[in-house]
Amino acid sequence: MIELSSEDKNKLLAIVESRFHTHMERHPDVVWSDVLTRLETDSNKLITLSDMERTGGEPDVIRLPNGGLAFCDCTPESPSGRRSLCYDEQALAARKKNKPDGSAVALAEEIGIELLDEATYRHLQTLGAFDLKTSSWVLTSEAIRQKGGALFCDRRYDHIFVYHNGADSYYAARGFRGMFIL
């Protein structure tokens, strides 16, 4: 298992704490010391948080509609280190030419996060304006996947749009957002 050095852990926590205090609108009733306690009780969460940060996610704490807390990618545009990916490994295997470097589902699993579903994506958009120039793959039902499709979302004209595409497609401006429960 990979571990963060004390120096890397302190740098990461300083970045995340600063972001936490800068964007209190995302979690108005949450106290940083409570978040820190939850993070420090599970070293895997720190590794995941580090990978979210490393891939450009700018993770921050959000309150979910069910009242739970999660670290979620809050970068204004789809995380730069997680773009140009097809939806999942099945789509990657089906591509015969010009394969992307990987898939959103596999990278999310590697990082230790879940792709946002449509409802969580829409909730995130109530906390700020995200994906004004990019788009993000979202969790897609098996019924749609069996037909070769996958869903992605973005925000245009001050509205949240959900679209479909072939799961094997990939674009420089499409990535994915993820989260993990605290």
N, C-alpha and C. Protein backbone atom coordinates (compact mmCIF):
# COMPACT_ATOMS: atom_id res chain seq x y z
N MET A 1 0.84 -1.19 0.00
CA MET A 1 0.00 0.00 0.00
C MET A 1 0.88 1.26 0.00
N ILE A 2 0.53 2.21 -0.82
CA ILE A 2 1.26 3.47 -0.91
C ILE A 2 0.92 4.33 0.31
N GLU A 3 1.92 4.99 0.83
CA GLU A 3 1.69 5.92 1.94
C GLU A 3 2.27 7.28 1.58
N LEU A 4 1.67 8.33 2.10
CA LEU A 4 2.18 9.67 1.90
C LEU A 4 3.26 9.96 2.94
N SER A 5 4.30 10.66 2.53
CA SER A 5 5.29 11.11 3.51
C SER A 5 4.63 12.17 4.39
N SER A 6 5.20 12.43 5.52
CA SER A 6 4.66 13.47 6.42
C SER A 6 4.61 14.81 5.71
N GLU A 7 5.65 15.10 4.94
CA GLU A 7 5.71 16.37 4.22
C GLU A 7 4.59 16.46 3.17
N ASP A 8 4.41 15.38 2.40
CA ASP A 8 3.35 15.37 1.38
C ASP A 8 1.96 15.45 2.02
N LYS A 9 1.78 14.75 3.12
CA LYS A 9 0.50 14.78 3.84
C LYS A 9 0.21 16.20 4.32
N ASN A 10 1.21 16.86 4.92
CA ASN A 10 1.01 18.22 5.42
C ASN A 10 0.70 19.21 4.29
N LYS A 11 1.39 19.07 3.15
CA LYS A 11 1.12 19.94 1.99
C LYS A 11 -0.30 19.74 1.49
N LEU A 12 -0.69 18.46 1.34
CA LEU A 12 -2.03 18.14 0.86
C LEU A 12 -3.09 18.71 1.80
N LEU A 13 -2.93 18.48 3.08
CA LEU A 13 -3.92 18.96 4.04
C LEU A 13 -3.99 20.48 4.06
N ALA A 14 -2.87 21.17 3.87
CA ALA A 14 -2.87 22.63 3.82
C ALA A 14 -3.66 23.12 2.61
N ILE A 15 -3.47 22.48 1.47
CA ILE A 15 -4.20 22.86 0.24
C ILE A 15 -5.70 22.64 0.44
N VAL A 16 -6.05 21.46 0.94
CA VAL A 16 -7.47 21.10 1.08
C VAL A 16 -8.14 21.96 2.15
N GLU A 17 -7.43 22.23 3.24
CA GLU A 17 -8.01 23.09 4.29
C GLU A 17 -8.23 24.51 3.76
N SER A 18 -7.29 25.03 3.01
CA SER A 18 -7.45 26.37 2.44
C SER A 18 -8.67 26.42 1.52
N ARG A 19 -8.82 25.41 0.68
CA ARG A 19 -9.97 25.35 -0.23
C ARG A 19 -11.28 25.23 0.58
N PHE A 20 -11.24 24.43 1.63
CA PHE A 20 -12.40 24.24 2.50
C PHE A 20 -12.87 25.60 3.05
N HIS A 21 -11.93 26.39 3.56
CA HIS A 21 -12.30 27.68 4.15
C HIS A 21 -12.69 28.72 3.10
N THR A 22 -12.11 28.62 1.91
CA THR A 22 -12.43 29.55 0.84
C THR A 22 -13.83 29.35 0.28
N HIS A 23 -14.32 28.11 0.34
CA HIS A 23 -15.62 27.78 -0.27
C HIS A 23 -16.60 27.23 0.76
N MET A 24 -16.83 27.99 1.80
CA MET A 24 -17.75 27.55 2.86
C MET A 24 -19.18 27.37 2.36
N GLU A 25 -19.53 27.98 1.22
CA GLU A 25 -20.87 27.82 0.67
C GLU A 25 -21.16 26.37 0.28
N ARG A 26 -20.14 25.57 0.10
CA ARG A 26 -20.32 24.16 -0.26
C ARG A 26 -20.63 23.29 0.95
N HIS A 27 -20.35 23.81 2.14
CA HIS A 27 -20.50 23.04 3.38
C HIS A 27 -20.65 23.99 4.57
N PRO A 28 -21.70 24.82 4.59
CA PRO A 28 -21.79 25.90 5.59
C PRO A 28 -21.83 25.45 7.04
N ASP A 29 -22.26 24.25 7.31
CA ASP A 29 -22.41 23.79 8.69
C ASP A 29 -21.34 22.78 9.11
N VAL A 30 -20.25 22.71 8.35
CA VAL A 30 -19.22 21.72 8.61
C VAL A 30 -17.98 22.40 9.19
N VAL A 31 -17.36 21.74 10.16
CA VAL A 31 -16.17 22.27 10.83
C VAL A 31 -14.96 21.49 10.34
N TRP A 32 -13.87 22.20 10.00
CA TRP A 32 -12.68 21.56 9.47
C TRP A 32 -12.12 20.49 10.40
N SER A 33 -12.13 20.71 11.69
CA SER A 33 -11.56 19.72 12.61
C SER A 33 -12.30 18.39 12.53
N ASP A 34 -13.60 18.42 12.26
CA ASP A 34 -14.36 17.18 12.09
C ASP A 34 -13.94 16.45 10.81
N VAL A 35 -13.72 17.21 9.74
CA VAL A 35 -13.27 16.63 8.48
C VAL A 35 -11.89 16.01 8.67
N LEU A 36 -11.00 16.74 9.32
CA LEU A 36 -9.64 16.27 9.54
C LEU A 36 -9.63 14.98 10.36
N THR A 37 -10.46 14.90 11.36
CA THR A 37 -10.56 13.69 12.18
C THR A 37 -10.98 12.50 11.31
N ARG A 38 -11.97 12.70 10.46
CA ARG A 38 -12.43 11.62 9.58
C ARG A 38 -11.33 11.19 8.60
N LEU A 39 -10.59 12.15 8.09
CA LEU A 39 -9.50 11.82 7.16
C LEU A 39 -8.37 11.05 7.85
N GLU A 40 -8.03 11.48 9.03
CA GLU A 40 -6.88 10.89 9.72
C GLU A 40 -7.17 9.50 10.29
N THR A 41 -8.43 9.12 10.35
CA THR A 41 -8.75 7.78 10.86
C THR A 41 -8.64 6.71 9.77
N ASP A 42 -8.46 7.14 8.52
CA ASP A 42 -8.37 6.18 7.41
C ASP A 42 -7.33 6.68 6.41
N SER A 43 -6.13 6.10 6.44
CA SER A 43 -5.05 6.56 5.56
C SER A 43 -5.40 6.37 4.08
N ASN A 44 -6.28 5.43 3.77
CA ASN A 44 -6.71 5.26 2.38
C ASN A 44 -7.42 6.51 1.85
N LYS A 45 -8.15 7.19 2.71
CA LYS A 45 -8.85 8.41 2.29
C LYS A 45 -7.84 9.50 1.93
N LEU A 46 -6.73 9.56 2.65
CA LEU A 46 -5.70 10.55 2.33
C LEU A 46 -5.04 10.23 0.98
N ILE A 47 -4.81 8.97 0.71
CA ILE A 47 -4.24 8.57 -0.58
C ILE A 47 -5.20 8.92 -1.71
N THR A 48 -6.48 8.62 -1.52
CA THR A 48 -7.49 8.95 -2.51
C THR A 48 -7.57 10.45 -2.73
N LEU A 49 -7.57 11.20 -1.65
CA LEU A 49 -7.61 12.65 -1.74
C LEU A 49 -6.39 13.18 -2.50
N SER A 50 -5.23 12.61 -2.23
CA SER A 50 -4.01 12.99 -2.93
C SER A 50 -4.13 12.72 -4.43
N ASP A 51 -4.68 11.57 -4.80
CA ASP A 51 -4.85 11.24 -6.22
C ASP A 51 -5.88 12.14 -6.88
N MET A 52 -6.92 12.51 -6.16
CA MET A 52 -7.90 13.45 -6.71
C MET A 52 -7.23 14.79 -7.00
N GLU A 53 -6.42 15.24 -6.07
CA GLU A 53 -5.70 16.51 -6.23
C GLU A 53 -4.69 16.41 -7.37
N ARG A 54 -3.94 15.34 -7.40
CA ARG A 54 -2.88 15.14 -8.42
C ARG A 54 -3.46 15.15 -9.83
N THR A 55 -4.66 14.64 -10.01
CA THR A 55 -5.28 14.56 -11.34
C THR A 55 -6.13 15.79 -11.66
N GLY A 56 -6.04 16.83 -10.84
CA GLY A 56 -6.70 18.09 -11.15
C GLY A 56 -8.11 18.27 -10.66
N GLY A 57 -8.55 17.44 -9.72
CA GLY A 57 -9.94 17.50 -9.27
C GLY A 57 -10.30 18.62 -8.32
N GLU A 58 -9.29 19.23 -7.67
CA GLU A 58 -9.56 20.26 -6.66
C GLU A 58 -10.66 19.81 -5.70
N PRO A 59 -10.47 18.68 -5.03
CA PRO A 59 -11.52 18.14 -4.16
C PRO A 59 -11.85 19.06 -2.99
N ASP A 60 -13.14 19.10 -2.67
CA ASP A 60 -13.62 19.86 -1.53
C ASP A 60 -14.78 19.08 -0.90
N VAL A 61 -15.08 19.43 0.32
CA VAL A 61 -16.17 18.78 1.04
C VAL A 61 -17.50 19.36 0.56
N ILE A 62 -18.44 18.47 0.30
CA ILE A 62 -19.80 18.89 0.01
C ILE A 62 -20.76 18.11 0.90
N ARG A 63 -21.87 18.73 1.20
CA ARG A 63 -22.95 18.05 1.92
C ARG A 63 -23.86 17.45 0.86
N LEU A 64 -24.07 16.16 0.93
CA LEU A 64 -24.94 15.47 -0.02
C LEU A 64 -26.41 15.66 0.36
N PRO A 65 -27.32 15.48 -0.59
CA PRO A 65 -28.75 15.64 -0.27
C PRO A 65 -29.23 14.76 0.88
N ASN A 66 -28.60 13.59 1.08
CA ASN A 66 -29.01 12.70 2.17
C ASN A 66 -28.41 13.11 3.51
N GLY A 67 -27.65 14.22 3.53
CA GLY A 67 -27.05 14.73 4.76
C GLY A 67 -25.62 14.27 4.98
N GLY A 68 -25.16 13.29 4.22
CA GLY A 68 -23.80 12.80 4.35
C GLY A 68 -22.79 13.80 3.81
N LEU A 69 -21.53 13.57 4.15
CA LEU A 69 -20.44 14.40 3.66
C LEU A 69 -19.60 13.60 2.68
N ALA A 70 -19.09 14.29 1.67
CA ALA A 70 -18.21 13.65 0.70
C ALA A 70 -17.15 14.63 0.25
N PHE A 71 -16.01 14.11 -0.14
CA PHE A 71 -15.05 14.90 -0.89
C PHE A 71 -15.42 14.71 -2.35
N CYS A 72 -15.60 15.80 -3.08
CA CYS A 72 -16.03 15.77 -4.46
C CYS A 72 -15.14 16.68 -5.30
N ASP A 73 -14.93 16.31 -6.56
CA ASP A 73 -14.16 17.17 -7.46
C ASP A 73 -14.91 18.47 -7.69
N CYS A 74 -14.28 19.57 -7.32
CA CYS A 74 -14.91 20.88 -7.45
C CYS A 74 -14.13 21.82 -8.36
N THR A 75 -13.26 21.28 -9.20
CA THR A 75 -12.56 22.10 -10.16
C THR A 75 -13.58 22.71 -11.12
N PRO A 76 -13.37 23.95 -11.54
CA PRO A 76 -14.38 24.58 -12.41
C PRO A 76 -14.68 23.78 -13.67
N GLU A 77 -13.65 23.20 -14.29
CA GLU A 77 -13.85 22.37 -15.49
C GLU A 77 -13.49 20.94 -15.14
N SER A 78 -13.92 20.00 -15.96
CA SER A 78 -13.64 18.59 -15.73
C SER A 78 -12.15 18.41 -15.45
N PRO A 79 -11.77 17.62 -14.46
CA PRO A 79 -10.36 17.51 -14.07
C PRO A 79 -9.42 17.25 -15.25
N SER A 80 -8.41 18.09 -15.38
CA SER A 80 -7.51 18.03 -16.54
C SER A 80 -6.75 16.72 -16.64
N GLY A 81 -6.46 16.08 -15.54
CA GLY A 81 -5.73 14.82 -15.56
C GLY A 81 -6.62 13.61 -15.77
N ARG A 82 -7.89 13.84 -16.08
CA ARG A 82 -8.85 12.74 -16.26
C ARG A 82 -9.70 12.95 -17.51
N ARG A 83 -9.10 13.48 -18.54
CA ARG A 83 -9.83 13.71 -19.80
C ARG A 83 -9.35 12.77 -20.88
N SER A 84 -10.03 12.82 -22.01
CA SER A 84 -9.71 11.98 -23.17
C SER A 84 -9.76 10.50 -22.84
N LEU A 85 -10.76 10.12 -22.08
CA LEU A 85 -10.99 8.73 -21.69
C LEU A 85 -12.34 8.28 -22.20
N CYS A 86 -12.44 7.03 -22.65
CA CYS A 86 -13.76 6.50 -22.96
C CYS A 86 -14.46 6.17 -21.62
N TYR A 87 -15.67 5.68 -21.69
CA TYR A 87 -16.45 5.49 -20.46
C TYR A 87 -15.92 4.35 -19.58
N ASP A 88 -15.82 3.13 -20.13
CA ASP A 88 -15.41 1.99 -19.28
C ASP A 88 -14.51 1.03 -20.05
N GLU A 89 -14.07 0.00 -19.39
CA GLU A 89 -13.14 -0.96 -20.00
C GLU A 89 -13.78 -1.72 -21.15
N GLN A 90 -15.05 -2.01 -21.06
CA GLN A 90 -15.76 -2.68 -22.16
C GLN A 90 -15.68 -1.82 -23.42
N ALA A 91 -15.90 -0.52 -23.27
CA ALA A 91 -15.82 0.40 -24.41
C ALA A 91 -14.39 0.49 -24.93
N LEU A 92 -13.43 0.52 -24.04
CA LEU A 92 -12.03 0.58 -24.44
C LEU A 92 -11.64 -0.66 -25.24
N ALA A 93 -12.05 -1.83 -24.80
CA ALA A 93 -11.74 -3.08 -25.49
C ALA A 93 -12.41 -3.15 -26.86
N ALA A 94 -13.59 -2.55 -26.98
CA ALA A 94 -14.33 -2.60 -28.24
C ALA A 94 -13.74 -1.67 -29.31
N ARG A 95 -12.98 -0.70 -28.88
CA ARG A 95 -12.38 0.25 -29.84
C ARG A 95 -11.25 -0.41 -30.58
N LYS A 96 -11.31 -0.40 -31.89
CA LYS A 96 -10.29 -1.06 -32.71
C LYS A 96 -9.16 -0.11 -33.09
N LYS A 97 -9.46 1.17 -33.33
CA LYS A 97 -8.46 2.14 -33.76
C LYS A 97 -8.49 3.36 -32.84
N ASN A 98 -7.35 4.03 -32.77
CA ASN A 98 -7.25 5.28 -32.02
C ASN A 98 -7.79 5.16 -30.60
N LYS A 99 -7.32 4.15 -29.90
CA LYS A 99 -7.79 3.93 -28.52
C LYS A 99 -7.29 5.05 -27.61
N PRO A 100 -8.13 5.47 -26.67
CA PRO A 100 -7.65 6.41 -25.65
C PRO A 100 -6.73 5.67 -24.68
N ASP A 101 -6.12 6.40 -23.79
CA ASP A 101 -5.19 5.79 -22.81
C ASP A 101 -5.89 4.98 -21.74
N GLY A 102 -7.19 5.14 -21.60
CA GLY A 102 -7.90 4.40 -20.56
C GLY A 102 -9.36 4.75 -20.53
N SER A 103 -10.00 4.38 -19.42
CA SER A 103 -11.43 4.65 -19.26
C SER A 103 -11.69 5.37 -17.95
N ALA A 104 -12.79 6.10 -17.94
CA ALA A 104 -13.19 6.85 -16.75
C ALA A 104 -13.48 5.91 -15.58
N VAL A 105 -14.21 4.84 -15.83
CA VAL A 105 -14.58 3.92 -14.75
C VAL A 105 -13.34 3.27 -14.14
N ALA A 106 -12.40 2.84 -14.97
CA ALA A 106 -11.18 2.20 -14.45
C ALA A 106 -10.32 3.18 -13.67
N LEU A 107 -10.17 4.41 -14.17
CA LEU A 107 -9.35 5.39 -13.46
C LEU A 107 -10.01 5.77 -12.14
N ALA A 108 -11.33 5.91 -12.14
CA ALA A 108 -12.03 6.22 -10.88
C ALA A 108 -11.77 5.13 -9.85
N GLU A 109 -11.86 3.88 -10.29
CA GLU A 109 -11.61 2.76 -9.39
C GLU A 109 -10.17 2.78 -8.88
N GLU A 110 -9.23 3.06 -9.76
CA GLU A 110 -7.82 3.13 -9.38
C GLU A 110 -7.58 4.22 -8.33
N ILE A 111 -8.22 5.36 -8.51
CA ILE A 111 -8.08 6.48 -7.57
C ILE A 111 -8.80 6.18 -6.26
N GLY A 112 -9.89 5.42 -6.33
CA GLY A 112 -10.67 5.10 -5.14
C GLY A 112 -11.89 5.98 -4.97
N ILE A 113 -12.42 6.47 -6.10
CA ILE A 113 -13.60 7.33 -6.08
C ILE A 113 -14.70 6.71 -6.93
N GLU A 114 -15.91 7.24 -6.75
CA GLU A 114 -17.06 6.84 -7.55
C GLU A 114 -17.35 7.95 -8.55
N LEU A 115 -17.71 7.58 -9.79
CA LEU A 115 -18.20 8.59 -10.72
C LEU A 115 -19.47 9.18 -10.13
N LEU A 116 -19.68 10.47 -10.37
CA LEU A 116 -20.93 11.08 -9.92
C LEU A 116 -22.07 10.50 -10.75
N ASP A 117 -23.21 10.27 -10.10
CA ASP A 117 -24.40 9.94 -10.87
C ASP A 117 -25.08 11.25 -11.27
N GLU A 118 -26.11 11.17 -12.07
CA GLU A 118 -26.76 12.38 -12.56
C GLU A 118 -27.29 13.25 -11.43
N ALA A 119 -27.91 12.64 -10.43
CA ALA A 119 -28.49 13.41 -9.32
C ALA A 119 -27.40 14.14 -8.53
N THR A 120 -26.27 13.48 -8.28
CA THR A 120 -25.19 14.13 -7.54
C THR A 120 -24.54 15.23 -8.39
N TYR A 121 -24.42 14.97 -9.69
CA TYR A 121 -23.90 16.01 -10.60
C TYR A 121 -24.80 17.25 -10.53
N ARG A 122 -26.10 17.05 -10.60
CA ARG A 122 -27.03 18.19 -10.53
C ARG A 122 -26.93 18.89 -9.17
N HIS A 123 -26.77 18.11 -8.11
CA HIS A 123 -26.60 18.71 -6.78
C HIS A 123 -25.33 19.55 -6.73
N LEU A 124 -24.23 19.02 -7.25
CA LEU A 124 -22.98 19.78 -7.28
C LEU A 124 -23.18 21.12 -7.96
N GLN A 125 -23.97 21.14 -9.01
CA GLN A 125 -24.20 22.38 -9.76
C GLN A 125 -24.98 23.41 -8.95
N THR A 126 -25.64 23.00 -7.87
CA THR A 126 -26.30 23.98 -6.99
C THR A 126 -25.29 24.68 -6.09
N LEU A 127 -24.08 24.14 -6.02
CA LEU A 127 -23.02 24.68 -5.16
C LEU A 127 -22.04 25.56 -5.92
N GLY A 128 -22.21 25.68 -7.21
CA GLY A 128 -21.33 26.48 -8.06
C GLY A 128 -21.62 26.20 -9.51
N ALA A 129 -20.88 26.85 -10.39
CA ALA A 129 -21.04 26.65 -11.84
C ALA A 129 -19.86 25.83 -12.33
N PHE A 130 -20.11 24.59 -12.74
CA PHE A 130 -19.06 23.67 -13.16
C PHE A 130 -19.30 23.22 -14.60
N ASP A 131 -18.21 22.88 -15.27
CA ASP A 131 -18.25 22.37 -16.65
C ASP A 131 -18.92 23.35 -17.61
N LEU A 132 -18.48 24.60 -17.57
CA LEU A 132 -18.99 25.60 -18.51
C LEU A 132 -18.36 25.46 -19.89
N LYS A 133 -17.17 24.84 -19.96
CA LYS A 133 -16.47 24.64 -21.23
C LYS A 133 -16.17 23.17 -21.50
N THR A 134 -16.30 22.33 -20.50
CA THR A 134 -15.99 20.91 -20.63
C THR A 134 -17.25 20.11 -20.32
N SER A 135 -17.12 18.80 -20.35
CA SER A 135 -18.22 17.93 -19.94
C SER A 135 -17.64 16.78 -19.13
N SER A 136 -18.50 16.07 -18.41
CA SER A 136 -18.05 15.00 -17.52
C SER A 136 -18.94 13.77 -17.69
N TRP A 137 -18.28 12.62 -17.88
CA TRP A 137 -19.01 11.35 -17.87
C TRP A 137 -19.70 11.21 -16.52
N VAL A 138 -20.89 10.64 -16.49
CA VAL A 138 -21.58 10.32 -15.23
C VAL A 138 -21.95 8.84 -15.24
N LEU A 139 -22.19 8.32 -14.06
CA LEU A 139 -22.56 6.92 -13.91
C LEU A 139 -23.75 6.62 -14.82
N THR A 140 -23.63 5.54 -15.57
CA THR A 140 -24.63 5.19 -16.58
C THR A 140 -25.26 3.85 -16.24
N SER A 141 -26.57 3.76 -16.42
CA SER A 141 -27.27 2.52 -16.11
C SER A 141 -26.82 1.38 -17.03
N GLU A 142 -26.98 0.17 -16.54
CA GLU A 142 -26.61 -1.02 -17.31
C GLU A 142 -27.46 -1.13 -18.58
N ALA A 143 -28.71 -0.70 -18.52
CA ALA A 143 -29.58 -0.77 -19.69
C ALA A 143 -29.03 0.08 -20.84
N ILE A 144 -28.52 1.24 -20.54
CA ILE A 144 -27.92 2.10 -21.57
C ILE A 144 -26.59 1.52 -22.02
N ARG A 145 -25.80 1.03 -21.08
CA ARG A 145 -24.49 0.45 -21.43
C ARG A 145 -24.64 -0.77 -22.34
N GLN A 146 -25.66 -1.58 -22.11
CA GLN A 146 -25.86 -2.77 -22.94
C GLN A 146 -26.13 -2.41 -24.40
N LYS A 147 -26.58 -1.19 -24.61
CA LYS A 147 -26.85 -0.73 -25.98
C LYS A 147 -25.67 0.07 -26.54
N GLY A 148 -24.57 0.12 -25.78
CA GLY A 148 -23.36 0.77 -26.27
C GLY A 148 -23.20 2.22 -25.90
N GLY A 149 -24.15 2.78 -25.16
CA GLY A 149 -24.12 4.20 -24.83
C GLY A 149 -23.60 4.48 -23.44
N ALA A 150 -23.38 5.75 -23.19
CA ALA A 150 -23.02 6.25 -21.86
C ALA A 150 -23.47 7.70 -21.77
N LEU A 151 -23.62 8.19 -20.55
CA LEU A 151 -24.13 9.54 -20.31
C LEU A 151 -23.01 10.48 -19.88
N PHE A 152 -23.17 11.73 -20.25
CA PHE A 152 -22.28 12.79 -19.77
C PHE A 152 -23.11 14.05 -19.56
N CYS A 153 -22.56 14.97 -18.77
CA CYS A 153 -23.28 16.19 -18.42
C CYS A 153 -22.37 17.40 -18.59
N ASP A 154 -23.02 18.55 -18.72
CA ASP A 154 -22.31 19.83 -18.66
C ASP A 154 -23.31 20.92 -18.29
N ARG A 155 -22.79 22.13 -18.19
CA ARG A 155 -23.63 23.29 -17.87
C ARG A 155 -23.45 24.32 -18.98
N ARG A 156 -24.54 24.63 -19.65
CA ARG A 156 -24.54 25.65 -20.69
C ARG A 156 -25.80 26.48 -20.52
N TYR A 157 -25.71 27.76 -20.83
CA TYR A 157 -26.88 28.64 -20.78
C TYR A 157 -27.56 28.60 -19.42
N ASP A 158 -26.76 28.42 -18.38
CA ASP A 158 -27.24 28.34 -17.00
C ASP A 158 -28.22 27.18 -16.78
N HIS A 159 -28.06 26.11 -17.54
CA HIS A 159 -28.85 24.89 -17.40
C HIS A 159 -27.92 23.68 -17.38
N ILE A 160 -28.34 22.64 -16.70
CA ILE A 160 -27.59 21.40 -16.66
C ILE A 160 -28.15 20.48 -17.73
N PHE A 161 -27.28 20.00 -18.60
CA PHE A 161 -27.70 19.13 -19.69
C PHE A 161 -27.12 17.74 -19.49
N VAL A 162 -27.92 16.73 -19.81
CA VAL A 162 -27.49 15.34 -19.81
C VAL A 162 -27.58 14.87 -21.26
N TYR A 163 -26.49 14.29 -21.74
CA TYR A 163 -26.42 13.82 -23.11
C TYR A 163 -26.03 12.35 -23.13
N HIS A 164 -26.07 11.77 -24.31
CA HIS A 164 -25.59 10.40 -24.50
C HIS A 164 -24.58 10.40 -25.63
N ASN A 165 -23.73 9.42 -25.61
CA ASN A 165 -22.71 9.23 -26.64
C ASN A 165 -22.35 7.75 -26.64
N GLY A 166 -21.68 7.31 -27.66
CA GLY A 166 -21.14 5.96 -27.62
C GLY A 166 -20.13 5.90 -26.48
N ALA A 167 -20.17 4.85 -25.69
CA ALA A 167 -19.28 4.74 -24.54
C ALA A 167 -17.81 4.68 -24.95
N ASP A 168 -17.56 4.33 -26.21
CA ASP A 168 -16.18 4.25 -26.67
C ASP A 168 -15.64 5.59 -27.17
N SER A 169 -16.47 6.63 -27.18
CA SER A 169 -16.01 7.95 -27.62
C SER A 169 -15.14 8.60 -26.55
N TYR A 170 -14.31 9.51 -26.98
CA TYR A 170 -13.51 10.28 -26.03
C TYR A 170 -13.13 11.60 -26.68
N TYR A 171 -13.05 12.62 -25.85
CA TYR A 171 -12.78 13.97 -26.33
C TYR A 171 -11.86 14.68 -25.35
N ALA A 172 -11.06 15.59 -25.87
CA ALA A 172 -10.12 16.33 -25.04
C ALA A 172 -10.83 17.17 -23.97
N ALA A 173 -12.06 17.54 -24.22
CA ALA A 173 -12.80 18.37 -23.27
C ALA A 173 -13.78 17.57 -22.41
N ARG A 174 -13.70 16.23 -22.47
CA ARG A 174 -14.58 15.42 -21.61
C ARG A 174 -13.75 14.57 -20.67
N GLY A 175 -14.06 14.70 -19.40
CA GLY A 175 -13.42 13.89 -18.38
C GLY A 175 -14.47 13.28 -17.48
N PHE A 176 -14.15 13.23 -16.19
CA PHE A 176 -15.15 12.76 -15.23
C PHE A 176 -14.86 13.37 -13.87
N ARG A 177 -15.91 13.50 -13.11
CA ARG A 177 -15.83 13.96 -11.72
C ARG A 177 -16.14 12.79 -10.82
N GLY A 178 -15.53 12.78 -9.66
CA GLY A 178 -15.76 11.70 -8.73
C GLY A 178 -15.88 12.21 -7.30
N MET A 179 -16.13 11.27 -6.41
CA MET A 179 -16.27 11.61 -4.99
C MET A 179 -16.03 10.37 -4.15
N PHE A 180 -15.78 10.60 -2.87
CA PHE A 180 -15.79 9.53 -1.89
C PHE A 180 -16.44 10.05 -0.62
N ILE A 181 -17.16 9.15 0.06
CA ILE A 181 -17.89 9.49 1.27
C ILE A 181 -16.90 9.64 2.42
N LEU A 182 -17.09 10.67 3.21
CA LEU A 182 -16.24 10.89 4.39
C LEU A 182 -16.70 10.06 5.55
